[in-house]
PDB file of N, CA and C in Angstrom:
ATOM      1  N   MET A   1     -23.041  -4.623  -9.796  1.00  0.00           N
ATOM      2  CA  MET A   1     -22.108  -3.447  -9.422  1.00  0.00           C
ATOM      3  C   MET A   1     -21.681  -3.982  -8.370  1.00  0.00           C
ATOM      4  N   THR A   2     -20.216  -3.626  -7.887  1.00  0.00           N
ATOM      5  CA  THR A   2     -20.253  -4.045  -6.770  1.00  0.00           C
ATOM      6  C   THR A   2     -20.213  -3.066  -5.315  1.00  0.00           C
ATOM      7  N   PHE A   3     -20.201  -3.777  -4.025  1.00  0.00           N
ATOM      8  CA  PHE A   3     -20.644  -3.247  -2.971  1.00  0.00           C
ATOM      9  C   PHE A   3     -19.228  -1.543  -3.069  1.00  0.00           C
ATOM     10  N   LYS A   4     -18.011  -2.070  -3.320  1.00  0.00           N
ATOM     11  CA  LYS A   4     -17.234  -0.554  -3.232  1.00  0.00           C
ATOM     12  C   LYS A   4     -17.820   0.629  -4.660  1.00  0.00           C
ATOM     13  N   THR A   5     -18.537   0.071  -5.538  1.00  0.00           N
ATOM     14  CA  THR A   5     -19.171   0.712  -6.807  1.00  0.00           C
ATOM     15  C   THR A   5     -20.292   1.587  -5.855  1.00  0.00           C
ATOM     16  N   ALA A   6     -21.217   0.796  -5.853  1.00  0.00           N
ATOM     17  CA  ALA A   6     -22.322   1.139  -4.873  1.00  0.00           C
ATOM     18  C   ALA A   6     -22.096   2.256  -3.864  1.00  0.00           C
ATOM     19  N   SER A   7     -21.188   1.865  -2.935  1.00  0.00           N
ATOM     20  CA  SER A   7     -20.507   2.310  -1.815  1.00  0.00           C
ATOM     21  C   SER A   7     -20.425   3.841  -1.928  1.00  0.00           C
ATOM     22  N   ARG A   8     -19.573   3.780  -3.214  1.00  0.00           N
ATOM     23  CA  ARG A   8     -18.826   5.163  -3.854  1.00  0.00           C
ATOM     24  C   ARG A   8     -20.365   6.342  -4.438  1.00  0.00           C
ATOM     25  N   GLU A   9     -21.050   5.944  -5.422  1.00  0.00           N
ATOM     26  CA  GLU A   9     -22.191   6.256  -5.338  1.00  0.00           C
ATOM     27  C   GLU A   9     -23.194   6.768  -4.903  1.00  0.00           C
ATOM     28  N   PHE A  10     -23.245   5.581  -3.623  1.00  0.00           N
ATOM     29  CA  PHE A  10     -24.076   7.187  -2.424  1.00  0.00           C
ATOM     30  C   PHE A  10     -23.233   8.150  -1.924  1.00  0.00           C
ATOM     31  N   TYR A  11     -22.293   8.048  -2.038  1.00  0.00           N
ATOM     32  CA  TYR A  11     -21.208   9.068  -1.613  1.00  0.00           C
ATOM     33  C   TYR A  11     -21.465  10.033  -2.510  1.00  0.00           C
ATOM     34  N   TYR A  12     -21.396   9.865  -3.692  1.00  0.00           N
ATOM     35  CA  TYR A  12     -21.588  11.235  -5.044  1.00  0.00           C
ATOM     36  C   TYR A  12     -22.524  11.659  -4.873  1.00  0.00           C
ATOM     37  N   ILE A  13     -23.618  10.896  -4.730  1.00  0.00           N
ATOM     38  CA  ILE A  13     -24.957  11.218  -5.082  1.00  0.00           C
ATOM     39  C   ILE A  13     -25.156  12.643  -3.751  1.00  0.00           C
ATOM     40  N   GLN A  14     -24.795  12.116  -2.958  1.00  0.00           N
ATOM     41  CA  GLN A  14     -24.588  12.698  -1.510  1.00  0.00           C
ATOM     42  C   GLN A  14     -24.234  13.756  -1.426  1.00  0.00           C
ATOM     43  N   MET A  15     -23.219  13.858  -2.311  1.00  0.00           N
ATOM     44  CA  MET A  15     -22.073  15.467  -2.530  1.00  0.00           C
ATOM     45  C   MET A  15     -22.991  16.008  -3.575  1.00  0.00           C
ATOM     46  N   GLU A  16     -23.375  15.634  -4.404  1.00  0.00           N
ATOM     47  CA  GLU A  16     -24.285  16.448  -5.288  1.00  0.00           C
ATOM     48  C   GLU A  16     -25.296  17.376  -4.845  1.00  0.00           C
ATOM     49  N   LYS A  17     -26.418  16.608  -4.201  1.00  0.00           N
ATOM     50  CA  LYS A  17     -27.191  16.762  -3.789  1.00  0.00           C
ATOM     51  C   LYS A  17     -27.077  18.411  -2.629  1.00  0.00           C
ATOM     52  N   TYR A  18     -25.886  17.827  -1.998  1.00  0.00           N
ATOM     53  CA  TYR A  18     -25.569  19.343  -0.636  1.00  0.00           C
ATOM     54  C   TYR A  18     -25.499  20.074  -1.496  1.00  0.00           C
ATOM     55  N   ALA A  19     -24.320  19.818  -2.323  1.00  0.00           N
ATOM     56  CA  ALA A  19     -23.967  21.107  -3.376  1.00  0.00           C
ATOM     57  C   ALA A  19     -24.659  21.616  -3.992  1.00  0.00           C
ATOM     58  N   ARG A  20     -25.907  21.315  -4.345  1.00  0.00           N
ATOM     59  CA  ARG A  20     -26.879  22.103  -4.646  1.00  0.00           C
ATOM     60  C   ARG A  20     -27.631  22.876  -4.070  1.00  0.00           C
ATOM     61  N   GLN A  21     -27.879  22.079  -2.601  1.00  0.00           N
ATOM     62  CA  GLN A  21     -28.633  22.807  -1.876  1.00  0.00           C
ATOM     63  C   GLN A  21     -27.263  23.905  -1.428  1.00  0.00           C
ATOM     64  N   ALA A  22     -26.439  23.914  -1.518  1.00  0.00           N
ATOM     65  CA  ALA A  22     -25.905  25.341  -0.801  1.00  0.00           C
ATOM     66  C   ALA A  22     -25.733  26.618  -2.186  1.00  0.00           C
ATOM     67  N   ILE A  23     -25.720  25.632  -2.805  1.00  0.00           N
ATOM     68  CA  ILE A  23     -25.804  26.851  -4.222  1.00  0.00           C
ATOM     69  C   ILE A  23     -27.317  27.801  -3.663  1.00  0.00           C
ATOM     70  N   SER A  24     -28.647  26.615  -3.895  1.00  0.00           N
ATOM     71  CA  SER A  24     -29.676  26.905  -4.037  1.00  0.00           C
ATOM     72  C   SER A  24     -29.936  28.236  -2.261  1.00  0.00           C
ATOM     73  N   GLU A  25     -29.228  27.724  -1.735  1.00  0.00           N
ATOM     74  CA  GLU A  25     -28.884  28.713  -0.148  1.00  0.00           C
ATOM     75  C   GLU A  25     -28.142  29.989  -0.709  1.00  0.00           C
ATOM     76  N   GLY A  26     -27.632  30.060  -1.768  1.00  0.00           N
ATOM     77  CA  GLY A  26     -27.204  31.725  -1.881  1.00  0.00           C
ATOM     78  C   GLY A  26     -25.447  31.474  -1.470  1.00  0.00           C
ATOM     79  N   LEU A  27     -25.028  30.320  -1.373  1.00  0.00           N
ATOM     80  CA  LEU A  27     -23.678  30.600  -1.049  1.00  0.00           C
ATOM     81  C   LEU A  27     -22.359  30.776  -2.010  1.00  0.00           C
ATOM     82  N   LYS A  28     -21.675  31.229  -2.018  1.00  0.00           N
ATOM     83  CA  LYS A  28     -21.280  32.395  -2.827  1.00  0.00           C
ATOM     84  C   LYS A  28     -19.850  31.379  -3.486  1.00  0.00           C
ATOM     85  N   THR A  29     -19.485  30.752  -2.471  1.00  0.00           N
ATOM     86  CA  THR A  29     -17.907  30.440  -2.757  1.00  0.00           C
ATOM     87  C   THR A  29     -17.513  28.477  -1.935  1.00  0.00           C
ATOM     88  N   ALA A  30     -16.658  28.048  -2.498  1.00  0.00           N
ATOM     89  CA  ALA A  30     -16.792  27.285  -2.307  1.00  0.00           C
ATOM     90  C   ALA A  30     -15.681  27.119  -0.915  1.00  0.00           C
ATOM     91  N   ASP A  31     -14.934  28.266  -0.293  1.00  0.00           N
ATOM     92  CA  ASP A  31     -14.373  28.133   0.643  1.00  0.00           C
ATOM     93  C   ASP A  31     -15.228  28.650   2.019  1.00  0.00           C
ATOM     94  N   ASP A  32     -16.501  28.794   1.605  1.00  0.00           N
ATOM     95  CA  ASP A  32     -17.232  28.866   2.785  1.00  0.00           C
ATOM     96  C   ASP A  32     -18.154  27.913   2.911  1.00  0.00           C
ATOM     97  N   ILE A  33     -17.567  26.983   2.201  1.00  0.00           N
ATOM     98  CA  ILE A  33     -18.237  25.378   3.094  1.00  0.00           C
ATOM     99  C   ILE A  33     -17.780  24.759   4.182  1.00  0.00           C
ATOM    100  N   HIS A  34     -18.136  24.313   5.161  1.00  0.00           N
ATOM    101  CA  HIS A  34     -17.620  24.056   6.187  1.00  0.00           C
ATOM    102  C   HIS A  34     -18.014  22.522   7.019  1.00  0.00           C
ATOM    103  N   VAL A  35     -17.750  21.364   6.757  1.00  0.00           N
ATOM    104  CA  VAL A  35     -18.329  20.211   7.527  1.00  0.00           C
ATOM    105  C   VAL A  35     -18.387  19.903   8.628  1.00  0.00           C
ATOM    106  N   ALA A  36     -18.836  20.342   9.844  1.00  0.00           N
ATOM    107  CA  ALA A  36     -18.619  19.452  11.049  1.00  0.00           C
ATOM    108  C   ALA A  36     -18.662  18.597  11.192  1.00  0.00           C
ATOM    109  N   GLY A  37     -18.379  17.596  12.761  1.00  0.00           N
ATOM    110  CA  GLY A  37     -18.630  16.835  12.568  1.00  0.00           C
ATOM    111  C   GLY A  37     -20.375  16.110  13.446  1.00  0.00           C
ATOM    112  N   ASP A  38     -20.953  17.577  13.958  1.00  0.00           N
ATOM    113  CA  ASP A  38     -22.211  17.250  13.591  1.00  0.00           C
ATOM    114  C   ASP A  38     -22.719  17.541  12.895  1.00  0.00           C
ATOM    115  N   SER A  39     -22.724  18.289  11.451  1.00  0.00           N
ATOM    116  CA  SER A  39     -23.169  18.316  10.232  1.00  0.00           C
ATOM    117  C   SER A  39     -24.801  17.590   9.773  1.00  0.00           C
ATOM    118  N   GLU A  40     -25.427  17.840   9.219  1.00  0.00           N
ATOM    119  CA  GLU A  40     -26.623  16.833   8.616  1.00  0.00           C
ATOM    120  C   GLU A  40     -25.442  15.760   7.578  1.00  0.00           C
ATOM    121  N   LEU A  41     -24.920  16.249   6.790  1.00  0.00           N
ATOM    122  CA  LEU A  41     -23.908  15.569   5.764  1.00  0.00           C
ATOM    123  C   LEU A  41     -23.213  14.695   6.443  1.00  0.00           C
ATOM    124  N   TYR A  42     -22.563  15.226   7.462  1.00  0.00           N
ATOM    125  CA  TYR A  42     -21.649  13.960   7.764  1.00  0.00           C
ATOM    126  C   TYR A  42     -22.708  12.582   9.059  1.00  0.00           C
ATOM    127  N   ARG A  43     -23.783  12.956  10.108  1.00  0.00           N
ATOM    128  CA  ARG A  43     -24.256  12.355  10.108  1.00  0.00           C
ATOM    129  C   ARG A  43     -24.942  11.262   9.236  1.00  0.00           C
ATOM    130  N   VAL A  44     -25.207  11.977   8.194  1.00  0.00           N
ATOM    131  CA  VAL A  44     -26.021  10.835   6.730  1.00  0.00           C
ATOM    132  C   VAL A  44     -25.056   9.698   6.622  1.00  0.00           C
ATOM    133  N   LEU A  45     -23.612  10.447   6.181  1.00  0.00           N
ATOM    134  CA  LEU A  45     -22.494   9.541   5.683  1.00  0.00           C
ATOM    135  C   LEU A  45     -22.091   8.309   6.586  1.00  0.00           C
ATOM    136  N   ASN A  46     -22.281   8.807   7.968  1.00  0.00           N
ATOM    137  CA  ASN A  46     -21.633   8.549   9.002  1.00  0.00           C
ATOM    138  C   ASN A  46     -22.900   6.612   9.268  1.00  0.00           C
ATOM    139  N   LEU A  47     -24.208   7.217   9.511  1.00  0.00           N
ATOM    140  CA  LEU A  47     -25.080   6.321   9.511  1.00  0.00           C
ATOM    141  C   LEU A  47     -24.787   5.375   8.263  1.00  0.00           C
ATOM    142  N   HIS A  48     -24.834   5.767   7.659  1.00  0.00           N
ATOM    143  CA  HIS A  48     -24.695   4.672   6.146  1.00  0.00           C
ATOM    144  C   HIS A  48     -23.765   3.719   6.171  1.00  0.00           C
ATOM    145  N   TYR A  49     -22.588   4.457   6.164  1.00  0.00           N
ATOM    146  CA  TYR A  49     -21.597   3.225   6.276  1.00  0.00           C
ATOM    147  C   TYR A  49     -20.806   2.690   7.544  1.00  0.00           C
ATOM    148  N   ASN A  50     -21.768   3.031   8.467  1.00  0.00           N
ATOM    149  CA  ASN A  50     -21.076   2.659   9.879  1.00  0.00           C
ATOM    150  C   ASN A  50     -22.566   3.147  10.477  1.00  0.00           C
ATOM    151  N   ARG A  51     -23.408   2.072  10.271  1.00  0.00           N
ATOM    152  CA  ARG A  51     -24.346   1.822  10.677  1.00  0.00           C
ATOM    153  C   ARG A  51     -24.363   2.211  12.635  1.00  0.00           C
ATOM    154  N   ASN A  52     -23.923   1.262  12.986  1.00  0.00           N
ATOM    155  CA  ASN A  52     -24.240   0.743  14.343  1.00  0.00           C
ATOM    156  C   ASN A  52     -23.156   1.594  15.449  1.00  0.00           C
ATOM    157  N   ASN A  53     -21.945   2.492  14.698  1.00  0.00           N
ATOM    158  CA  ASN A  53     -21.082   3.062  15.171  1.00  0.00           C
ATOM    159  C   ASN A  53     -20.067   1.964  15.606  1.00  0.00           C
ATOM    160  N   HIS A  54     -19.777   1.435  14.967  1.00  0.00           N
ATOM    161  CA  HIS A  54     -18.693  -0.275  15.375  1.00  0.00           C
ATOM    162  C   HIS A  54     -17.167   0.551  15.428  1.00  0.00           C
ATOM    163  N   ILE A  55     -17.467   1.148  14.219  1.00  0.00           N
ATOM    164  CA  ILE A  55     -16.052   1.642  13.571  1.00  0.00           C
ATOM    165  C   ILE A  55     -15.568   3.317  13.973  1.00  0.00           C
ATOM    166  N   GLU A  56     -14.909   3.713  14.142  1.00  0.00           N
ATOM    167  CA  GLU A  56     -14.249   4.653  14.661  1.00  0.00           C
ATOM    168  C   GLU A  56     -13.736   5.218  13.503  1.00  0.00           C
ATOM    169  N   VAL A  57     -14.389   6.751  13.101  1.00  0.00           N
ATOM    170  CA  VAL A  57     -14.670   7.212  11.847  1.00  0.00           C
ATOM    171  C   VAL A  57     -13.087   8.267  11.719  1.00  0.00           C
ATOM    172  N   PRO A  58     -12.210   7.600  10.909  1.00  0.00           N
ATOM    173  CA  PRO A  58     -11.045   8.309  10.553  1.00  0.00           C
ATOM    174  C   PRO A  58     -10.620   9.829  10.473  1.00  0.00           C
ATOM    175  N   PRO A  59      -9.640  10.211  11.023  1.00  0.00           N
ATOM    176  CA  PRO A  59      -9.948  11.831  11.150  1.00  0.00           C
ATOM    177  C   PRO A  59      -9.686  12.655   9.922  1.00  0.00           C
ATOM    178  N   ASN A  60      -9.111  11.798   8.925  1.00  0.00           N
ATOM    179  CA  ASN A  60      -9.534  12.623   7.837  1.00  0.00           C
ATOM    180  C   ASN A  60     -10.307  12.644   7.007  1.00  0.00           C
ATOM    181  N   PHE A  61     -11.616  11.763   7.536  1.00  0.00           N
ATOM    182  CA  PHE A  61     -12.932  11.557   7.258  1.00  0.00           C
ATOM    183  C   PHE A  61     -13.799  12.829   6.731  1.00  0.00           C
ATOM    184  N   ARG A  62     -13.711  13.755   7.790  1.00  0.00           N
ATOM    185  CA  ARG A  62     -14.604  14.897   7.664  1.00  0.00           C
ATOM    186  C   ARG A  62     -13.636  15.965   6.527  1.00  0.00           C
ATOM    187  N   TYR A  63     -12.334  15.622   6.688  1.00  0.00           N
ATOM    188  CA  TYR A  63     -11.573  16.433   5.176  1.00  0.00           C
ATOM    189  C   TYR A  63     -12.219  16.366   4.173  1.00  0.00           C
ATOM    190  N   VAL A  64     -12.055  15.113   3.749  1.00  0.00           N
ATOM    191  CA  VAL A  64     -12.012  14.296   2.300  1.00  0.00           C
ATOM    192  C   VAL A  64     -13.412  15.198   2.394  1.00  0.00           C
ATOM    193  N   VAL A  65     -14.584  14.932   3.108  1.00  0.00           N
ATOM    194  CA  VAL A  65     -15.857  15.475   2.929  1.00  0.00           C
ATOM    195  C   VAL A  65     -16.070  16.409   2.438  1.00  0.00           C
ATOM    196  N   GLU A  66     -15.834  17.420   3.543  1.00  0.00           N
ATOM    197  CA  GLU A  66     -15.492  18.980   2.866  1.00  0.00           C
ATOM    198  C   GLU A  66     -14.904  19.183   1.380  1.00  0.00           C
ATOM    199  N   GLN A  67     -13.657  18.306   1.407  1.00  0.00           N
ATOM    200  CA  GLN A  67     -13.071  18.805  -0.299  1.00  0.00           C
ATOM    201  C   GLN A  67     -13.799  18.036  -1.138  1.00  0.00           C
ATOM    202  N   THR A  68     -14.722  17.397  -1.041  1.00  0.00           N
ATOM    203  CA  THR A  68     -15.467  16.399  -2.074  1.00  0.00           C
ATOM    204  C   THR A  68     -16.502  17.405  -2.425  1.00  0.00           C
ATOM    205  N   LEU A  69     -17.053  17.990  -1.454  1.00  0.00           N
ATOM    206  CA  LEU A  69     -18.594  18.944  -1.199  1.00  0.00           C
ATOM    207  C   LEU A  69     -17.985  20.190  -2.162  1.00  0.00           C
ATOM    208  N   ARG A  70     -16.765  20.880  -1.616  1.00  0.00           N
ATOM    209  CA  ARG A  70     -16.180  22.117  -2.805  1.00  0.00           C
ATOM    210  C   ARG A  70     -16.200  21.400  -3.896  1.00  0.00           C
ATOM    211  N   GLU A  71     -15.686  20.768  -4.149  1.00  0.00           N
ATOM    212  CA  GLU A  71     -15.020  20.272  -5.852  1.00  0.00           C
ATOM    213  C   GLU A  71     -16.914  20.124  -6.762  1.00  0.00           C
ATOM    214  N   PHE A  72     -17.600  19.088  -5.901  1.00  0.00           N
ATOM    215  CA  PHE A  72     -19.132  19.473  -6.270  1.00  0.00           C
ATOM    216  C   PHE A  72     -19.387  20.648  -6.370  1.00  0.00           C
ATOM    217  N   PHE A  73     -19.375  21.501  -5.470  1.00  0.00           N
ATOM    218  CA  PHE A  73     -19.996  22.953  -5.352  1.00  0.00           C
ATOM    219  C   PHE A  73     -19.174  23.885  -7.334  1.00  0.00           C
ATOM    220  N   ARG A  74     -18.010  23.939  -6.903  1.00  0.00           N
ATOM    221  CA  ARG A  74     -17.586  24.603  -7.735  1.00  0.00           C
ATOM    222  C   ARG A  74     -18.013  23.992  -9.329  1.00  0.00           C
ATOM    223  N   ALA A  75     -17.799  22.567  -9.240  1.00  0.00           N
ATOM    224  CA  ALA A  75     -18.324  21.966 -10.980  1.00  0.00           C
ATOM    225  C   ALA A  75     -19.515  22.547 -10.995  1.00  0.00           C
ATOM    226  N   ILE A  76     -20.688  22.307 -10.550  1.00  0.00           N
ATOM    227  CA  ILE A  76     -21.817  23.033 -10.669  1.00  0.00           C
ATOM    228  C   ILE A  76     -22.301  24.126 -10.374  1.00  0.00           C
ATOM    229  N   GLN A  77     -21.596  25.096  -9.799  1.00  0.00           N
ATOM    230  CA  GLN A  77     -21.730  26.512  -9.619  1.00  0.00           C
ATOM    231  C   GLN A  77     -20.863  27.013 -11.388  1.00  0.00           C
ATOM    232  N   GLY A  78     -19.981  26.652 -11.425  1.00  0.00           N
ATOM    233  CA  GLY A  78     -19.547  26.353 -13.051  1.00  0.00           C
ATOM    234  C   GLY A  78     -19.846  26.080 -14.076  1.00  0.00           C
ATOM    235  N   GLY A  79     -20.994  25.601 -14.187  1.00  0.00           N
ATOM    236  CA  GLY A  79     -21.835  25.134 -15.479  1.00  0.00           C
ATOM    237  C   GLY A  79     -21.215  23.769 -15.895  1.00  0.00           C
ATOM    238  N   LYS A  80     -20.525  23.616 -14.917  1.00  0.00           N
ATOM    239  CA  LYS A  80     -19.869  21.730 -15.622  1.00  0.00           C
ATOM    240  C   LYS A  80     -20.615  20.910 -15.353  1.00  0.00           C
ATOM    241  N   ASP A  81     -21.404  20.631 -14.483  1.00  0.00           N
ATOM    242  CA  ASP A  81     -22.542  19.901 -14.518  1.00  0.00           C
ATOM    243  C   ASP A  81     -23.367  19.944 -16.111  1.00  0.00           C
ATOM    244  N   ALA A  82     -22.954  20.340 -17.111  1.00  0.00           N
ATOM    245  CA  ALA A  82     -24.064  20.358 -18.419  1.00  0.00           C
ATOM    246  C   ALA A  82     -23.096  19.355 -18.932  1.00  0.00           C
ATOM    247  N   GLU A  83     -22.133  19.316 -18.892  1.00  0.00           N
ATOM    248  CA  GLU A  83     -20.886  18.187 -19.699  1.00  0.00           C
ATOM    249  C   GLU A  83     -21.480  16.651 -18.963  1.00  0.00           C
ATOM    250  N   GLN A  84     -21.440  15.599 -20.232  1.00  0.00           N
ATOM    251  CA  GLN A  84     -21.897  14.410 -20.125  1.00  0.00           C
ATOM    252  C   GLN A  84     -21.176  13.666 -18.758  1.00  0.00           C
ATOM    253  N   SER A  85     -19.950  14.243 -18.490  1.00  0.00           N
ATOM    254  CA  SER A  85     -18.937  13.203 -17.842  1.00  0.00           C
ATOM    255  C   SER A  85     -18.354  14.094 -16.584  1.00  0.00           C
ATOM    256  N   TRP A  86     -19.181  15.078 -16.285  1.00  0.00           N
ATOM    257  CA  TRP A  86     -18.520  16.376 -15.497  1.00  0.00           C
ATOM    258  C   TRP A  86     -17.893  15.690 -13.983  1.00  0.00           C
ATOM    259  N   LYS A  87     -18.153  14.313 -13.584  1.00  0.00           N
ATOM    260  CA  LYS A  87     -17.833  14.340 -12.311  1.00  0.00           C
ATOM    261  C   LYS A  87     -16.451  13.402 -12.618  1.00  0.00           C
ATOM    262  N   LYS A  88     -15.955  12.687 -13.382  1.00  0.00           N
ATOM    263  CA  LYS A  88     -14.845  12.192 -13.884  1.00  0.00           C
ATOM    264  C   LYS A  88     -13.306  13.237 -12.887  1.00  0.00           C
ATOM    265  N   SER A  89     -13.177  14.225 -13.742  1.00  0.00           N
ATOM    266  CA  SER A  89     -12.479  15.593 -12.689  1.00  0.00           C
ATOM    267  C   SER A  89     -12.538  15.385 -11.421  1.00  0.00           C
ATOM    268  N   ILE A  90     -13.931  15.292 -11.145  1.00  0.00           N
ATOM    269  CA  ILE A  90     -13.979  15.178  -9.327  1.00  0.00           C
ATOM    270  C   ILE A  90     -13.445  13.891  -8.654  1.00  0.00           C
ATOM    271  N   TYR A  91     -13.834  13.160  -9.571  1.00  0.00           N
ATOM    272  CA  TYR A  91     -12.995  11.578  -9.133  1.00  0.00           C
ATOM    273  C   TYR A  91     -12.081  11.703  -8.954  1.00  0.00           C
ATOM    274  N   LYS A  92     -11.627  11.920  -9.370  1.00  0.00           N
ATOM    275  CA  LYS A  92      -9.414  12.422  -9.959  1.00  0.00           C
ATOM    276  C   LYS A  92      -9.173  12.770  -8.463  1.00  0.00           C
ATOM    277  N   VAL A  93      -9.787  13.989  -8.275  1.00  0.00           N
ATOM    278  CA  VAL A  93      -9.179  15.076  -7.202  1.00  0.00           C
ATOM    279  C   VAL A  93      -9.318  13.748  -6.197  1.00  0.00           C
ATOM    280  N   ILE A  94     -10.624  13.550  -6.202  1.00  0.00           N
ATOM    281  CA  ILE A  94     -11.230  12.964  -4.345  1.00  0.00           C
ATOM    282  C   ILE A  94     -10.078  11.515  -4.015  1.00  0.00           C
ATOM    283  N   SER A  95      -9.962  11.016  -5.041  1.00  0.00           N
ATOM    284  CA  SER A  95      -9.284   9.435  -5.016  1.00  0.00           C
ATOM    285  C   SER A  95      -7.702   9.580  -4.448  1.00  0.00           C
ATOM    286  N   ARG A  96      -7.029  11.010  -4.687  1.00  0.00           N
ATOM    287  CA  ARG A  96      -5.694  10.958  -3.618  1.00  0.00           C
ATOM    288  C   ARG A  96      -5.701  11.535  -2.643  1.00  0.00           C
ATOM    289  N   LEU A  97      -7.302  11.740  -2.162  1.00  0.00           N
ATOM    290  CA  LEU A  97      -7.327  11.885  -0.568  1.00  0.00           C
ATOM    291  C   LEU A  97      -7.844  10.750  -0.038  1.00  0.00           C
ATOM    292  N   ASP A  98      -8.243   9.187  -0.892  1.00  0.00           N
ATOM    293  CA  ASP A  98      -8.271   8.284  -0.022  1.00  0.00           C
ATOM    294  C   ASP A  98      -7.102   7.898   0.329  1.00  0.00           C
ATOM    295  N   ASP A  99      -7.865   7.026   1.780  1.00  0.00           N
ATOM    296  CA  ASP A  99      -6.639   6.469   2.911  1.00  0.00           C
ATOM    297  C   ASP A  99      -6.717   4.709   2.426  1.00  0.00           C
ATOM    298  N   PRO A 100      -5.732   4.252   2.810  1.00  0.00           N
ATOM    299  CA  PRO A 100      -5.493   2.936   2.701  1.00  0.00           C
ATOM    300  C   PRO A 100      -6.536   2.341   3.122  1.00  0.00           C
ATOM    301  N   VAL A 101      -7.275   1.096   3.370  1.00  0.00           N
ATOM    302  CA  VAL A 101      -8.022   0.135   3.848  1.00  0.00           C
ATOM    303  C   VAL A 101      -7.230  -0.233   4.617  1.00  0.00           C
ATOM    304  N   PRO A 102      -7.883  -0.342   6.164  1.00  0.00           N
ATOM    305  CA  PRO A 102      -7.158  -0.762   7.314  1.00  0.00           C
ATOM    306  C   PRO A 102      -6.978  -2.668   6.825  1.00  0.00           C
ATOM    307  N   GLU A 103      -5.841  -3.369   7.288  1.00  0.00           N
ATOM    308  CA  GLU A 103      -6.032  -4.420   7.040  1.00  0.00           C
ATOM    309  C   GLU A 103      -7.457  -5.350   7.989  1.00  0.00           C
ATOM    310  N   TYR A 104      -7.629  -5.000   8.749  1.00  0.00           N
ATOM    311  CA  TYR A 104      -8.475  -5.500   9.783  1.00  0.00           C
ATOM    312  C   TYR A 104     -10.088  -5.985   9.084  1.00  0.00           C
ATOM    313  N   PHE A 105     -10.360  -4.359   7.892  1.00  0.00           N
ATOM    314  CA  PHE A 105     -11.661  -4.499   7.451  1.00  0.00           C
ATOM    315  C   PHE A 105     -11.708  -5.840   5.963  1.00  0.00           C
ATOM    316  N   LYS A 106     -10.188  -6.270   5.850  1.00  0.00           N
ATOM    317  CA  LYS A 106      -9.881  -7.296   5.123  1.00  0.00           C
ATOM    318  C   LYS A 106     -10.309  -8.932   5.345  1.00  0.00           C
ATOM    319  N   SER A 107     -10.067  -8.741   6.872  1.00  0.00           N
ATOM    320  CA  SER A 107     -10.701 -10.108   7.574  1.00  0.00           C
ATOM    321  C   SER A 107     -12.067 -11.219   7.062  1.00  0.00           C
ATOM    322  N   PRO A 108     -12.271 -11.893   6.647  1.00  0.00           N
ATOM    323  CA  PRO A 108     -13.394 -12.535   6.390  1.00  0.00           C
ATOM    324  C   PRO A 108     -14.256 -12.308   7.771  1.00  0.00           C
ATOM    325  N   ASN A 109     -13.828 -12.601   8.657  1.00  0.00           N
ATOM    326  CA  ASN A 109     -14.307 -12.273  10.466  1.00  0.00           C
ATOM    327  C   ASN A 109     -14.806 -10.959  10.574  1.00  0.00           C
ATOM    328  N   PHE A 110     -14.591 -10.223   9.838  1.00  0.00           N
ATOM    329  CA  PHE A 110     -13.957  -8.851  10.925  1.00  0.00           C
ATOM    330  C   PHE A 110     -15.790  -8.407  11.029  1.00  0.00           C
ATOM    331  N   LEU A 111     -16.778  -8.540  10.332  1.00  0.00           N
ATOM    332  CA  LEU A 111     -18.278  -8.538  11.014  1.00  0.00           C
ATOM    333  C   LEU A 111     -18.217  -9.156  11.959  1.00  0.00           C
ATOM    334  N   GLU A 112     -18.245 -10.610  11.904  1.00  0.00           N
ATOM    335  CA  GLU A 112     -18.228 -10.935  13.299  1.00  0.00           C
ATOM    336  C   GLU A 112     -17.514 -10.968  14.425  1.00  0.00           C
ATOM    337  N   GLN A 113     -16.396 -10.040  14.460  1.00  0.00           N
ATOM    338  CA  GLN A 113     -15.382  -9.362  15.501  1.00  0.00           C
ATOM    339  C   GLN A 113     -16.291  -8.020  15.431  1.00  0.00           C
ATOM    340  N   LEU A 114     -16.907  -7.333  15.205  1.00  0.00           N
ATOM    341  CA  LEU A 114     -17.579  -6.364  15.273  1.00  0.00           C
ATOM    342  C   LEU A 114     -18.938  -6.482  16.796  1.00  0.00           C
ATOM    343  N   GLU A 115     -19.352  -7.896  16.644  1.00  0.00           N
ATOM    344  CA  GLU A 115     -21.018  -7.986  17.287  1.00  0.00           C
ATOM    345  C   GLU A 115     -20.140  -8.275  18.541  1.00  0.00           C
TER     346      GLU A 115
END
């Protein structure tokens, strides 16, 4: 498993967890889901991916998190999670929201530059 795969897996595990939580709390529609910069989900993701807060969180990140959570919510609410590969359609929708990786992340000295 590559870092990228493991990293995405953590992200999608969190999305499923929080979508199921929203449903269990009685949320009725995906449009009622809003992810604020101070929400628990945002904090968990930022802590996982940006442990030392060395990197400025991209402005689009909160929007993508919110859209992903809504997609998981809709799928689970609609019973799609009973199908074996129910997440594949979500992955396709969310991959369109990916930003390109900045060049400075690709530098072999990137982590050293942060210290």
